[in-house]
Amino acid sequence: MELYNMFPRQLDKFIYNHLQPNTDFLDQMSIAINKICRFLHGYKFQNSVKVIKTIKGGSSGKGTALKNGSDADLVVFFSDFQSFEDQKNKRGGMLNEIYDALLLYQKEYSFAYELSMSKPQIIRESSMFGLFSVPRSLSFQIKSTEDSDSIEFDVLPAYDALGQATYSRPDPEIYIRLIELKAARGEFSTSFTELQRNFVRKSPTKLKSLIRLVKYWYKEYVRRLHKQNLRSGEFLPHKYALELLIIYAWESTKQGQNFNTAEGFRTLLELVVRYQELWLFWTEYYDFSHPDLKKYLTETLQGHKPIILDPADPTGNMAEKVRWDLVAREARRCLQQTCVQGVVGWNVEPVKRISVTIIPPQNVYIVTDRLSINPFSRIMSIKVAILETTEYQMNNYYLELEGTVLEDRKTLASYGVFTKVTLFLKESSSCSLM
């Protein structure tokens, strides 16, 4: 049954019956990949180079794989990569060695009859962030011999920038080194695969199901129907950007684990239609506490929208320089279909709000001292929000940040404020101070 013709109440059943991968296949695939990883760990690479670790990322690693043709990243961290520069300069050579290793694996070892592995191929590719001068990945497919389930693997050599800091906040100096390189966006995202994977994988099961539905919609209705509209050098947004958009909507509305799938799907579509306003970032793995990171993040967040910063890599704006207009076109069409008709989406703004703490004068009482504010709304709107919690006239007061009087017509963004902040409410000597 076609997605667009379904009733909203049928979406959960559709995900379970048609999008959820076969668990037996996933178990078999996991065993097969573990065998390949063990083989690579024991393989004798040139110059005594060792595999430090292997990480499975992509949809399969995040737990959001689709039935019938999903993808996964197998990131291989090498001892010979001591810096991001090493990864860039030595990547091509290591891909050739991985290619030889996998050919040997195919020749000398075999999977059980239930699985088959295609011949590996080195990919000379471009990305949504630009062209890569040397091969970036190697590709092979593992397929079920019993049904149509398959997973396409991209093997990527990488520098182990994180070390053991994969379940905690990394040292900010890691990001500072990355920023100082001024490399093409996304070129070193593989070094942060574990953080990307963990960020999505911690989502509750039903949210992952919603992600599957959106990825199916993107694959069958956006990419299939609109890819031919791309000109040379143009790209559709990466699926990861849509994953982050769904997670943001769910987090910001505190939906919990028992939300309505159709409502979540409609919310995503409505946000995509407003793509030119998107302004999202997270502070789980990096924040504004380091002065150099603060400077970089402030400059980045003052840039042109849309902005969806990779939670694991502050140099990766997942919304930049891609054809959102094509995705928005299909989202508008989908919003007219049966699958979301009569459904009310969640109340989600395309801009991430920030927490603003208000310190009032001693003679002023306000009901709440903490507000959630759109950083692109005018300072006057903050005063209006305060007015709703006090009997005092706000035109007799002004807001101050670190000794600077905030002008009513400006915004927090215009003052470079993009994270939680404390403002002082002070009484003006003149009612016309502003």
Protein backbone atom coordinates (compact mmCIF):
# COMPACT_ATOMS: atom_id res chain seq x y z
CA MET A 1 0.00 0.00 0.00
CA GLU A 2 1.36 3.43 -0.92
CA LEU A 3 2.30 5.66 2.02
CA TYR A 4 0.34 8.66 0.77
CA ASN A 5 -2.92 6.66 0.62
CA MET A 6 -2.72 5.33 4.17
CA PHE A 7 -4.77 6.62 7.05
CA PRO A 8 -2.76 8.19 9.91
CA ARG A 9 -3.69 5.36 12.27
CA GLN A 10 -2.05 2.83 9.89
CA LEU A 11 1.46 4.31 10.01
CA ASP A 12 2.70 2.35 13.05
CA LYS A 13 1.61 -0.94 11.50
CA PHE A 14 3.21 0.03 8.18
CA ILE A 15 6.54 0.74 9.89
CA TYR A 16 6.44 -2.56 11.76
CA ASN A 17 5.43 -4.71 8.78
CA HIS A 18 7.35 -3.05 5.93
CA LEU A 19 10.19 -0.86 7.23
CA GLN A 20 11.58 -2.76 10.20
CA PRO A 21 14.48 -4.99 9.09
CA ASN A 22 14.28 -8.71 9.64
CA THR A 23 15.85 -9.39 13.05
CA ASP A 24 17.37 -12.68 11.90
CA PHE A 25 19.07 -10.87 9.03
CA LEU A 26 20.37 -8.15 11.37
CA ASP A 27 21.78 -10.79 13.71
CA GLN A 28 23.46 -12.62 10.83
CA MET A 29 24.81 -9.38 9.41
CA SER A 30 26.21 -8.37 12.81
CA ILE A 31 28.06 -11.68 13.11
CA ALA A 32 29.41 -11.30 9.56
CA ILE A 33 30.69 -7.78 10.18
CA ASN A 34 32.29 -8.83 13.46
CA LYS A 35 34.18 -11.51 11.52
CA ILE A 36 35.39 -8.93 8.99
CA CYS A 37 36.47 -6.59 11.78
CA ARG A 38 38.42 -9.36 13.54
CA PHE A 39 40.07 -10.20 10.23
CA LEU A 40 41.13 -6.56 9.69
CA HIS A 41 42.49 -6.37 13.24
CA GLY A 42 44.70 -9.36 12.53
CA TYR A 43 45.64 -8.44 8.96
CA LYS A 44 49.28 -7.57 8.27
CA PHE A 45 49.15 -4.09 6.76
CA GLN A 46 52.31 -2.53 5.35
CA ASN A 47 54.82 -0.81 7.65
CA SER A 48 53.38 -2.65 10.68
CA VAL A 49 50.29 -0.44 10.65
CA LYS A 50 47.62 -1.73 13.04
CA VAL A 51 43.87 -1.32 13.26
CA ILE A 52 43.16 0.41 16.57
CA LYS A 53 39.41 -0.14 16.46
CA THR A 54 36.49 -0.48 14.06
CA ILE A 55 33.16 1.27 14.52
CA LYS A 56 29.87 0.58 12.77
CA GLY A 57 27.98 3.80 12.05
CA GLY A 58 25.32 4.88 9.57
CA SER A 59 21.73 3.69 9.80
CA SER A 60 22.69 0.20 10.87
CA GLY A 61 24.92 1.42 13.69
CA LYS A 62 22.31 3.93 14.89
CA GLY A 63 19.51 1.38 14.98
CA THR A 64 17.47 3.12 12.25
CA ALA A 65 18.14 0.77 9.33
CA LEU A 66 15.40 0.20 6.75
CA LYS A 67 14.32 -3.15 5.36
CA ASN A 68 15.45 -3.84 1.79
CA GLY A 69 18.56 -1.80 1.19
CA SER A 70 19.88 0.22 4.09
CA ASP A 71 23.36 1.61 4.67
CA ALA A 72 26.12 1.44 7.23
CA ASP A 73 29.53 2.99 7.73
CA LEU A 74 32.38 0.78 8.83
CA VAL A 75 35.00 3.20 10.12
CA VAL A 76 38.49 1.76 10.53
CA PHE A 77 40.88 3.65 12.82
CA PHE A 78 44.57 3.15 12.01
CA SER A 79 47.63 3.51 14.22
CA ASP A 80 49.43 5.30 11.38
CA PHE A 81 46.95 8.19 11.49
CA GLN A 82 48.30 10.52 14.18
CA SER A 83 46.42 13.63 13.06
CA PHE A 84 43.63 14.85 10.81
CA GLU A 85 46.32 15.70 8.25
CA ASP A 86 47.49 12.08 8.29
CA GLN A 87 43.96 10.94 7.59
CA LYS A 88 43.77 13.21 4.57
CA ASN A 89 47.23 12.39 3.18
CA LYS A 90 47.30 8.64 3.84
CA ARG A 91 43.64 7.76 3.30
CA GLY A 92 44.03 6.73 -0.35
CA GLY A 93 46.88 4.31 0.37
CA MET A 94 45.05 2.69 3.26
CA LEU A 95 41.93 2.22 1.14
CA ASN A 96 44.00 0.26 -1.36
CA GLU A 97 45.28 -1.95 1.44
CA ILE A 98 41.78 -2.49 2.85
CA TYR A 99 40.67 -3.43 -0.68
CA ASP A 100 43.40 -6.10 -0.87
CA ALA A 101 42.49 -7.34 2.61
CA LEU A 102 38.80 -7.74 1.78
CA LEU A 103 39.59 -9.54 -1.48
CA LEU A 104 41.69 -11.97 0.52
CA TYR A 105 38.87 -12.35 3.05
CA GLN A 106 36.40 -13.18 0.28
CA LYS A 107 38.76 -15.73 -1.18
CA GLU A 108 39.77 -17.55 2.00
CA TYR A 109 36.69 -17.14 4.16
CA SER A 110 33.00 -17.31 3.47
CA PHE A 111 29.79 -16.45 5.26
CA ALA A 112 27.12 -18.95 6.01
CA TYR A 113 24.77 -19.76 3.14
CA GLU A 114 22.30 -17.15 4.38
CA LEU A 115 24.54 -14.19 3.41
CA SER A 116 26.61 -13.10 0.44
CA MET A 117 29.17 -10.31 0.10
CA SER A 118 29.72 -8.33 -3.08
CA LYS A 119 33.16 -7.51 -4.45
CA PRO A 120 34.53 -4.38 -2.75
CA GLN A 121 34.94 -1.23 -4.84
CA ILE A 122 36.95 1.91 -4.09
CA ILE A 123 34.73 4.97 -4.42
CA ARG A 124 36.02 8.22 -5.87
CA GLU A 125 33.31 10.50 -4.64
CA SER A 126 32.20 14.01 -4.02
CA SER A 127 30.05 14.97 -1.07
CA MET A 128 27.43 17.56 -0.20
CA PHE A 129 30.28 19.59 1.31
CA GLY A 130 32.52 19.58 -1.75
CA LEU A 131 34.90 17.47 -3.81
CA PHE A 132 37.44 15.10 -2.26
CA SER A 133 40.75 14.98 -4.11
CA VAL A 134 41.53 11.38 -3.14
CA PRO A 135 39.29 8.31 -2.72
CA ARG A 136 37.33 8.58 0.52
CA SER A 137 35.69 5.21 0.97
CA LEU A 138 35.35 1.63 -0.18
CA SER A 139 31.98 0.00 -0.70
CA PHE A 140 30.58 -3.51 -0.51
CA GLN A 141 27.18 -5.05 0.08
CA ILE A 142 26.05 -7.83 2.38
CA LYS A 143 22.84 -9.44 1.16
CA SER A 144 20.51 -12.10 2.40
CA THR A 145 20.25 -15.10 0.10
CA GLU A 146 16.77 -15.87 1.44
CA ASP A 147 14.96 -12.54 0.90
CA SER A 148 15.61 -9.00 -0.35
CA ASP A 149 17.25 -7.62 2.80
CA SER A 150 20.66 -6.05 2.20
CA ILE A 151 22.99 -3.47 3.70
CA GLU A 152 25.45 -1.35 1.74
CA PHE A 153 28.67 -0.75 3.67
CA ASP A 154 31.02 2.17 3.19
CA VAL A 155 34.44 1.47 4.66
CA LEU A 156 36.25 4.65 5.72
CA PRO A 157 39.77 4.94 7.17
CA ALA A 158 39.95 7.50 9.99
CA TYR A 159 42.13 9.19 12.60
CA ASP A 160 41.21 8.23 16.16
CA ALA A 161 40.77 11.80 17.38
CA LEU A 162 38.53 10.86 20.30
CA GLY A 163 40.57 8.08 21.84
CA GLN A 164 38.59 6.84 24.83
CA ALA A 165 36.32 9.93 25.01
CA THR A 166 33.43 8.35 23.16
CA TYR A 167 30.78 8.36 25.91
CA SER A 168 31.65 11.72 27.44
CA ARG A 169 32.34 15.28 26.33
CA PRO A 170 35.58 15.31 24.29
CA ASP A 171 38.45 17.63 25.13
CA PRO A 172 37.65 20.97 23.41
CA GLU A 173 41.20 21.02 22.02
CA ILE A 174 40.16 18.24 19.63
CA TYR A 175 37.65 20.58 18.05
CA ILE A 176 40.04 23.52 18.12
CA ARG A 177 42.57 21.52 16.08
CA LEU A 178 39.82 20.60 13.64
CA ILE A 179 38.68 24.22 13.27
CA GLU A 180 42.24 25.46 12.73
CA LEU A 181 42.59 23.16 9.70
CA LYS A 182 39.88 25.09 7.84
CA ALA A 183 39.19 21.90 5.93
CA ALA A 184 36.20 21.18 3.71
CA ARG A 185 33.14 20.69 5.86
CA GLY A 186 32.50 17.07 6.64
CA GLU A 187 35.93 15.89 5.49
CA PHE A 188 36.83 14.58 8.96
CA SER A 189 33.37 13.69 10.24
CA THR A 190 34.37 10.02 10.23
CA SER A 191 36.57 10.69 13.28
CA PHE A 192 33.39 11.52 15.20
CA THR A 193 31.31 8.54 14.02
CA GLU A 194 30.96 7.16 17.54
CA LEU A 195 29.46 10.39 18.83
CA GLN A 196 27.07 10.66 15.87
CA ARG A 197 26.00 7.06 16.38
CA ASN A 198 25.52 7.44 20.14
CA PHE A 199 23.53 10.65 19.73
CA VAL A 200 20.90 8.93 17.58
CA ARG A 201 21.09 5.44 19.10
CA LYS A 202 20.05 6.65 22.57
CA SER A 203 16.65 7.68 21.14
CA PRO A 204 13.65 5.62 22.30
CA THR A 205 12.40 2.84 20.05
CA LYS A 206 9.34 4.70 18.80
CA LEU A 207 11.42 7.72 17.81
CA LYS A 208 13.69 5.43 15.79
CA SER A 209 10.56 4.07 14.11
CA LEU A 210 9.54 7.61 13.16
CA ILE A 211 13.04 8.16 11.77
CA ARG A 212 12.58 5.03 9.64
CA LEU A 213 9.30 6.39 8.28
CA VAL A 214 10.87 9.72 7.35
CA LYS A 215 13.86 8.02 5.72
CA TYR A 216 11.47 5.83 3.71
CA TRP A 217 9.57 8.95 2.61
CA TYR A 218 12.85 10.63 1.68
CA LYS A 219 14.04 7.60 -0.28
CA GLU A 220 10.81 6.80 -2.13
CA TYR A 221 9.30 10.24 -2.66
CA VAL A 222 12.09 12.82 -2.46
CA ARG A 223 15.19 11.16 -3.85
CA ARG A 224 13.42 8.96 -6.40
CA LEU A 225 11.19 11.73 -7.77
CA HIS A 226 13.42 14.78 -7.50
CA LYS A 227 16.99 13.59 -7.95
CA GLN A 228 16.74 14.24 -11.69
CA ASN A 229 16.18 17.94 -10.92
CA LEU A 230 19.69 18.29 -9.49
CA ARG A 231 22.25 20.07 -11.62
CA SER A 232 25.94 19.15 -11.64
CA GLY A 233 27.51 19.78 -8.23
CA GLU A 234 24.14 19.95 -6.46
CA PHE A 235 23.01 17.62 -3.68
CA LEU A 236 19.91 16.79 -1.70
CA PRO A 237 20.22 17.11 2.10
CA HIS A 238 21.82 14.15 3.84
CA LYS A 239 19.44 11.77 5.65
CA TYR A 240 21.32 12.60 8.86
CA ALA A 241 19.97 16.18 8.66
CA LEU A 242 16.41 14.82 8.69
CA GLU A 243 17.25 12.53 11.62
CA LEU A 244 18.52 15.53 13.58
CA LEU A 245 15.42 17.53 12.66
CA ILE A 246 13.14 14.79 14.00
CA ILE A 247 15.15 14.47 17.20
CA TYR A 248 15.03 18.25 17.72
CA ALA A 249 11.24 18.31 17.30
CA TRP A 250 10.81 15.43 19.75
CA GLU A 251 13.20 16.92 22.32
CA SER A 252 11.81 20.44 22.18
CA THR A 253 8.22 19.34 22.77
CA LYS A 254 9.06 16.69 25.41
CA GLN A 255 6.81 14.14 23.73
CA GLY A 256 8.09 11.16 25.69
CA GLN A 257 7.93 7.61 24.35
CA ASN A 258 4.21 7.32 23.57
CA PHE A 259 3.75 10.06 21.01
CA ASN A 260 1.49 9.87 17.97
CA THR A 261 3.50 8.82 14.90
CA ALA A 262 1.33 10.74 12.41
CA GLU A 263 1.69 13.91 14.49
CA GLY A 264 5.47 13.53 14.53
CA PHE A 265 5.57 12.89 10.77
CA ARG A 266 3.44 15.95 10.05
CA THR A 267 5.67 18.05 12.32
CA LEU A 268 8.73 17.01 10.34
CA LEU A 269 7.04 17.91 7.05
CA GLU A 270 6.01 21.32 8.38
CA LEU A 271 9.55 22.04 9.55
CA VAL A 272 10.96 21.05 6.16
CA VAL A 273 8.59 23.49 4.47
CA ARG A 274 10.11 26.21 6.69
CA TYR A 275 13.68 25.13 5.86
CA GLN A 276 14.88 28.69 5.29
CA GLU A 277 14.30 29.41 9.00
CA LEU A 278 16.05 26.33 10.42
CA TRP A 279 18.58 27.16 13.13
CA LEU A 280 19.52 24.17 15.28
CA PHE A 281 22.49 23.06 17.34
CA TRP A 282 23.22 20.92 20.38
CA THR A 283 25.72 21.27 23.25
CA GLU A 284 26.06 17.64 24.30
CA TYR A 285 29.62 17.20 23.01
CA TYR A 286 30.80 20.81 22.61
CA ASP A 287 29.62 24.16 23.93
CA PHE A 288 30.54 27.81 24.43
CA SER A 289 32.75 27.35 27.52
CA HIS A 290 36.08 27.35 25.63
CA PRO A 291 36.84 30.88 24.30
CA ASP A 292 38.04 29.69 20.89
CA LEU A 293 35.04 27.40 20.48
CA LYS A 294 32.73 30.18 21.63
CA LYS A 295 34.17 32.51 19.00
CA TYR A 296 33.81 29.91 16.26
CA LEU A 297 30.28 28.88 17.25
CA THR A 298 29.13 32.48 17.57
CA GLU A 299 30.42 33.32 14.09
CA THR A 300 28.89 30.15 12.65
CA LEU A 301 25.49 30.70 14.25
CA GLN A 302 25.44 34.27 12.98
CA GLY A 303 25.69 32.90 9.43
CA HIS A 304 22.92 32.40 6.92
CA LYS A 305 20.16 29.93 7.66
CA PRO A 306 19.39 27.11 7.33
CA ILE A 307 21.73 25.81 10.03
CA ILE A 308 21.67 22.29 11.49
CA LEU A 309 25.02 21.77 13.22
CA ASP A 310 26.19 18.19 13.58
CA PRO A 311 26.04 17.51 17.37
CA ALA A 312 29.35 15.65 17.08
CA ASP A 313 31.22 18.04 14.75
CA PRO A 314 30.76 21.83 15.00
CA THR A 315 32.30 22.34 11.54
CA GLY A 316 29.53 20.34 9.88
CA ASN A 317 26.43 22.36 8.98
CA MET A 318 24.23 19.57 7.69
CA ALA A 319 21.77 22.03 6.14
CA GLU A 320 24.22 24.07 4.10
CA LYS A 321 24.44 24.29 0.29
CA VAL A 322 21.88 21.61 -0.50
CA ARG A 323 18.56 21.63 -2.38
CA TRP A 324 16.10 21.91 0.48
CA ASP A 325 13.64 23.48 -1.96
CA LEU A 326 13.15 20.10 -3.64
CA VAL A 327 12.52 18.39 -0.29
CA ALA A 328 10.13 21.19 0.71
CA ARG A 329 8.25 20.78 -2.57
CA GLU A 330 7.58 17.12 -1.81
CA ALA A 331 6.78 17.92 1.84
CA ARG A 332 4.04 20.34 0.71
CA ARG A 333 2.62 17.62 -1.53
CA CYS A 334 2.74 15.08 1.30
CA LEU A 335 0.90 17.46 3.65
CA GLN A 336 -2.08 17.24 1.27
CA GLN A 337 -2.18 13.44 1.36
CA THR A 338 -4.38 11.08 3.35
CA CYS A 339 -1.55 9.90 5.63
CA VAL A 340 -1.50 13.19 7.61
CA GLN A 341 -4.96 14.60 6.95
CA GLY A 342 -6.83 15.70 10.08
CA VAL A 343 -3.57 15.48 12.06
CA VAL A 344 -2.27 18.40 14.10
CA GLY A 345 1.52 18.63 14.27
CA TRP A 346 3.47 19.50 17.39
CA ASN A 347 4.03 23.14 18.25
CA VAL A 348 7.68 23.37 17.18
CA GLU A 349 9.55 26.45 15.99
CA PRO A 350 12.33 26.00 13.40
CA VAL A 351 14.65 27.97 15.70
CA LYS A 352 16.13 26.49 18.87
CA ARG A 353 15.15 28.54 21.90
CA ILE A 354 17.63 29.51 24.61
CA SER A 355 17.17 29.84 28.34
CA VAL A 356 17.22 33.42 29.65
CA THR A 357 17.46 34.07 33.40
CA ILE A 358 16.18 37.44 34.59
CA ILE A 359 17.62 39.14 37.69
CA PRO A 360 15.12 41.85 38.72
CA PRO A 361 15.76 44.89 40.94
CA GLN A 362 15.07 44.34 44.62
CA ASN A 363 11.81 46.28 44.42
CA VAL A 364 10.39 44.22 41.55
CA TYR A 365 8.80 40.81 41.94
CA ILE A 366 8.32 38.55 38.92
CA VAL A 367 6.58 35.18 38.95
CA THR A 368 9.28 33.46 36.90
CA ASP A 369 12.93 34.40 36.53
CA ARG A 370 13.60 32.02 33.64
CA LEU A 371 12.26 32.34 30.11
CA SER A 372 12.61 30.33 26.91
CA ILE A 373 13.43 32.83 24.16
CA ASN A 374 13.88 32.78 20.41
CA PRO A 375 17.29 34.51 20.03
CA PHE A 376 16.09 36.21 16.83
CA SER A 377 13.10 37.90 18.49
CA ARG A 378 13.50 41.50 19.62
CA ILE A 379 14.59 42.46 23.13
CA MET A 380 11.20 44.13 23.52
CA SER A 381 9.57 40.69 23.27
CA ILE A 382 11.56 39.59 26.34
CA LYS A 383 10.27 42.61 28.23
CA VAL A 384 6.74 41.77 27.11
CA ALA A 385 7.22 38.22 28.45
CA ILE A 386 8.40 39.68 31.77
CA LEU A 387 5.41 42.05 31.79
CA GLU A 388 3.11 39.03 31.77
CA THR A 389 4.56 37.97 35.12
CA THR A 390 4.63 41.32 36.96
CA GLU A 391 2.47 44.37 37.54
CA TYR A 392 5.27 46.79 36.65
CA GLN A 393 5.36 48.70 33.34
CA MET A 394 8.34 47.50 31.32
CA ASN A 395 8.79 50.83 29.55
CA ASN A 396 10.22 52.04 32.86
CA TYR A 397 12.87 49.29 32.77
CA TYR A 398 15.67 48.08 30.55
CA LEU A 399 17.68 44.88 30.22
CA GLU A 400 21.43 44.75 30.68
CA LEU A 401 24.02 42.13 29.72
CA GLU A 402 27.49 42.38 31.24
CA GLY A 403 27.23 46.15 31.52
CA THR A 404 25.71 46.63 28.04
CA VAL A 405 22.23 48.11 27.76
CA LEU A 406 20.19 46.01 25.32
CA GLU A 407 18.21 48.04 22.81
CA ASP A 408 14.56 47.11 22.40
CA ARG A 409 14.71 46.89 18.60
CA LYS A 410 17.70 44.54 18.55
CA THR A 411 17.85 40.80 19.25
CA LEU A 412 19.96 38.54 21.44
CA ALA A 413 21.45 37.20 18.20
CA SER A 414 22.62 40.67 17.21
CA TYR A 415 24.58 40.75 20.47
CA GLY A 416 26.09 37.31 19.70
CA VAL A 417 24.05 35.54 22.40
CA PHE A 418 23.18 31.99 21.36
CA THR A 419 23.28 30.03 24.60
CA LYS A 420 21.74 30.31 28.04
CA VAL A 421 22.32 33.76 29.49
CA THR A 422 21.56 35.92 32.54
CA LEU A 423 20.12 39.40 32.00
CA PHE A 424 19.63 42.12 34.59
CA LEU A 425 16.36 44.03 34.68
CA LYS A 426 17.02 47.61 35.78
CA GLU A 427 14.89 50.66 36.30
CA SER A 428 15.60 53.51 33.88
CA SER A 429 15.98 57.10 34.96
CA SER A 430 13.86 58.15 32.00
CA CYS A 431 10.87 56.41 30.51
CA SER A 432 12.28 57.16 27.06
CA LEU A 433 15.69 55.57 27.62
CA MET A 434 15.07 53.23 24.69
